Amino acid sequence: MSDADPGEAFHRYVLELFDALARDRLLTERLADAASPAAASVLETLADAMESARAAGELREDATQQDLRVLLCGVALQLGRFGERDPATWRRYGEMVLAAFRR
């Protein structure tokens, strides 16, 4: 995450993650598992990107890491349980998650 624009880096990372989740049901399930080392790594990277974007004034000031986990993992878990595989649908929900964090 060495982008000059932290908001753009966060935006791109979230959408890339949703693209990956659309293709990988196991990753979707693991992401919602708090004990999963893979999930912890992904969520740590996301949280770092979110903090950088928030510090740059590009996200809501009250956005927390818990908000990120609840919104992102909640959406991913539900789409996974619905068996959704259409990348366009996943991207749409990724954009909705991002909208919740915008100022």
C-alpha atoms as a PDB file:
ATOM      1  CA  MET A   1       0.000   0.000   0.000  1.00  0.00           C
ATOM      2  CA  SER A   2       2.531   2.621  -1.024  1.00  0.00           C
ATOM      3  CA  ASP A   3       0.129   4.604  -3.198  1.00  0.00           C
ATOM      4  CA  ALA A   4       0.344   8.389  -3.027  1.00  0.00           C
ATOM      5  CA  ASP A   5      -3.440   8.562  -2.548  1.00  0.00           C
ATOM      6  CA  PRO A   6      -4.458   6.533   0.527  1.00  0.00           C
ATOM      7  CA  GLY A   7      -8.162   6.809  -0.308  1.00  0.00           C
ATOM      8  CA  GLU A   8      -7.613   5.364  -3.771  1.00  0.00           C
ATOM      9  CA  ALA A   9      -5.433   2.598  -2.340  1.00  0.00           C
ATOM     10  CA  PHE A  10      -8.171   1.620   0.142  1.00  0.00           C
ATOM     11  CA  HIS A  11     -10.832   1.758  -2.582  1.00  0.00           C
ATOM     12  CA  ARG A  12      -8.790  -0.412  -4.941  1.00  0.00           C
ATOM     13  CA  TYR A  13      -7.876  -2.942  -2.243  1.00  0.00           C
ATOM     14  CA  VAL A  14     -11.508  -3.421  -1.184  1.00  0.00           C
ATOM     15  CA  LEU A  15     -12.655  -3.917  -4.774  1.00  0.00           C
ATOM     16  CA  GLU A  16      -9.788  -6.315  -5.523  1.00  0.00           C
ATOM     17  CA  LEU A  17     -10.716  -8.290  -2.423  1.00  0.00           C
ATOM     18  CA  PHE A  18     -14.354  -8.492  -3.515  1.00  0.00           C
ATOM     19  CA  ASP A  19     -13.195  -9.687  -6.957  1.00  0.00           C
ATOM     20  CA  ALA A  20     -11.164 -12.445  -5.279  1.00  0.00           C
ATOM     21  CA  LEU A  21     -14.064 -13.371  -2.997  1.00  0.00           C
ATOM     22  CA  ALA A  22     -16.366 -13.771  -5.996  1.00  0.00           C
ATOM     23  CA  ARG A  23     -14.059 -16.528  -7.252  1.00  0.00           C
ATOM     24  CA  ASP A  24     -13.094 -18.220  -3.998  1.00  0.00           C
ATOM     25  CA  ARG A  25     -15.819 -19.535  -1.687  1.00  0.00           C
ATOM     26  CA  LEU A  26     -13.296 -20.854   0.843  1.00  0.00           C
ATOM     27  CA  LEU A  27     -11.700 -17.421   1.148  1.00  0.00           C
ATOM     28  CA  THR A  28     -15.168 -15.979   1.723  1.00  0.00           C
ATOM     29  CA  GLU A  29     -15.803 -18.377   4.604  1.00  0.00           C
ATOM     30  CA  ARG A  30     -12.315 -17.874   6.061  1.00  0.00           C
ATOM     31  CA  LEU A  31     -12.645 -14.093   5.993  1.00  0.00           C
ATOM     32  CA  ALA A  32     -15.524 -14.253   8.467  1.00  0.00           C
ATOM     33  CA  ASP A  33     -13.609 -16.618  10.794  1.00  0.00           C
ATOM     34  CA  ALA A  34     -11.948 -14.503  13.480  1.00  0.00           C
ATOM     35  CA  ALA A  35      -9.526 -17.350  14.284  1.00  0.00           C
ATOM     36  CA  SER A  36      -8.261 -17.698  10.709  1.00  0.00           C
ATOM     37  CA  PRO A  37      -4.663 -16.519  10.196  1.00  0.00           C
ATOM     38  CA  ALA A  38      -5.472 -15.820   6.538  1.00  0.00           C
ATOM     39  CA  ALA A  39      -8.379 -13.613   7.545  1.00  0.00           C
ATOM     40  CA  ALA A  40      -6.272 -11.821  10.121  1.00  0.00           C
ATOM     41  CA  SER A  41      -3.651 -11.002   7.491  1.00  0.00           C
ATOM     42  CA  VAL A  42      -6.200  -9.691   4.978  1.00  0.00           C
ATOM     43  CA  LEU A  43      -8.062  -7.705   7.609  1.00  0.00           C
ATOM     44  CA  GLU A  44      -4.832  -6.228   8.992  1.00  0.00           C
ATOM     45  CA  THR A  45      -3.861  -4.998   5.527  1.00  0.00           C
ATOM     46  CA  LEU A  46      -7.353  -3.578   5.051  1.00  0.00           C
ATOM     47  CA  ALA A  47      -7.306  -1.909   8.460  1.00  0.00           C
ATOM     48  CA  ASP A  48      -3.919  -0.312   7.713  1.00  0.00           C
ATOM     49  CA  ALA A  49      -5.228   0.991   4.386  1.00  0.00           C
ATOM     50  CA  MET A  50      -8.384   2.278   6.080  1.00  0.00           C
ATOM     51  CA  GLU A  51      -6.386   4.057   8.797  1.00  0.00           C
ATOM     52  CA  SER A  52      -4.169   5.745   6.195  1.00  0.00           C
ATOM     53  CA  ALA A  53      -7.188   6.892   4.191  1.00  0.00           C
ATOM     54  CA  ARG A  54      -8.943   8.118   7.309  1.00  0.00           C
ATOM     55  CA  ALA A  55      -5.839  10.015   8.477  1.00  0.00           C
ATOM     56  CA  ALA A  56      -5.696  11.664   5.039  1.00  0.00           C
ATOM     57  CA  GLY A  57      -9.268  12.885   5.567  1.00  0.00           C
ATOM     58  CA  GLU A  58     -10.725  10.665   2.864  1.00  0.00           C
ATOM     59  CA  LEU A  59     -12.945   8.485   5.069  1.00  0.00           C
ATOM     60  CA  ARG A  60     -15.410   9.092   7.865  1.00  0.00           C
ATOM     61  CA  GLU A  61     -13.652  10.161  11.037  1.00  0.00           C
ATOM     62  CA  ASP A  62     -15.696   7.730  13.121  1.00  0.00           C
ATOM     63  CA  ALA A  63     -14.881   4.659  10.980  1.00  0.00           C
ATOM     64  CA  THR A  64     -13.364   1.865  13.044  1.00  0.00           C
ATOM     65  CA  GLN A  65     -11.720  -1.446  12.319  1.00  0.00           C
ATOM     66  CA  GLN A  66     -14.768  -3.134  13.803  1.00  0.00           C
ATOM     67  CA  ASP A  67     -16.971  -1.273  11.308  1.00  0.00           C
ATOM     68  CA  LEU A  68     -14.750  -2.514   8.513  1.00  0.00           C
ATOM     69  CA  ARG A  69     -14.931  -6.111   9.678  1.00  0.00           C
ATOM     70  CA  VAL A  70     -18.696  -6.081  10.276  1.00  0.00           C
ATOM     71  CA  LEU A  71     -19.568  -4.464   6.953  1.00  0.00           C
ATOM     72  CA  LEU A  72     -17.075  -6.229   4.734  1.00  0.00           C
ATOM     73  CA  CYS A  73     -17.264  -9.675   6.307  1.00  0.00           C
ATOM     74  CA  GLY A  74     -21.031  -9.487   6.728  1.00  0.00           C
ATOM     75  CA  VAL A  75     -21.547  -8.744   3.055  1.00  0.00           C
ATOM     76  CA  ALA A  76     -19.020 -11.366   1.977  1.00  0.00           C
ATOM     77  CA  LEU A  77     -20.512 -14.030   4.214  1.00  0.00           C
ATOM     78  CA  GLN A  78     -24.040 -13.417   2.972  1.00  0.00           C
ATOM     79  CA  LEU A  79     -23.064 -13.366  -0.702  1.00  0.00           C
ATOM     80  CA  GLY A  80     -21.123 -16.576  -0.146  1.00  0.00           C
ATOM     81  CA  ARG A  81     -24.089 -18.232   1.530  1.00  0.00           C
ATOM     82  CA  PHE A  82     -26.346 -17.131  -1.312  1.00  0.00           C
ATOM     83  CA  GLY A  83     -23.900 -18.848  -3.664  1.00  0.00           C
ATOM     84  CA  GLU A  84     -23.362 -15.610  -5.567  1.00  0.00           C
ATOM     85  CA  ARG A  85     -20.614 -15.928  -8.170  1.00  0.00           C
ATOM     86  CA  ASP A  86     -21.235 -12.956 -10.478  1.00  0.00           C
ATOM     87  CA  PRO A  87     -18.229 -10.609 -10.146  1.00  0.00           C
ATOM     88  CA  ALA A  88     -20.413  -7.624 -11.069  1.00  0.00           C
ATOM     89  CA  THR A  89     -22.686  -8.340  -8.104  1.00  0.00           C
ATOM     90  CA  TRP A  90     -19.721  -8.672  -5.763  1.00  0.00           C
ATOM     91  CA  ARG A  91     -18.266  -5.396  -7.102  1.00  0.00           C
ATOM     92  CA  ARG A  92     -21.624  -3.667  -6.559  1.00  0.00           C
ATOM     93  CA  TYR A  93     -21.624  -4.713  -2.918  1.00  0.00           C
ATOM     94  CA  GLY A  94     -17.966  -3.741  -2.587  1.00  0.00           C
ATOM     95  CA  GLU A  95     -18.919  -0.255  -3.778  1.00  0.00           C
ATOM     96  CA  MET A  96     -21.712  -0.179  -1.184  1.00  0.00           C
ATOM     97  CA  VAL A  97     -19.257  -1.067   1.579  1.00  0.00           C
ATOM     98  CA  LEU A  98     -16.951   1.689   0.373  1.00  0.00           C
ATOM     99  CA  ALA A  99     -19.837   4.169   0.297  1.00  0.00           C
ATOM    100  CA  ALA A 100     -20.465   3.499   3.990  1.00  0.00           C
ATOM    101  CA  PHE A 101     -16.949   4.760   4.770  1.00  0.00           C
ATOM    102  CA  ARG A 102     -16.962   7.893   2.633  1.00  0.00           C
ATOM    103  CA  ARG A 103     -17.087  11.307   4.242  1.00  0.00           C
END
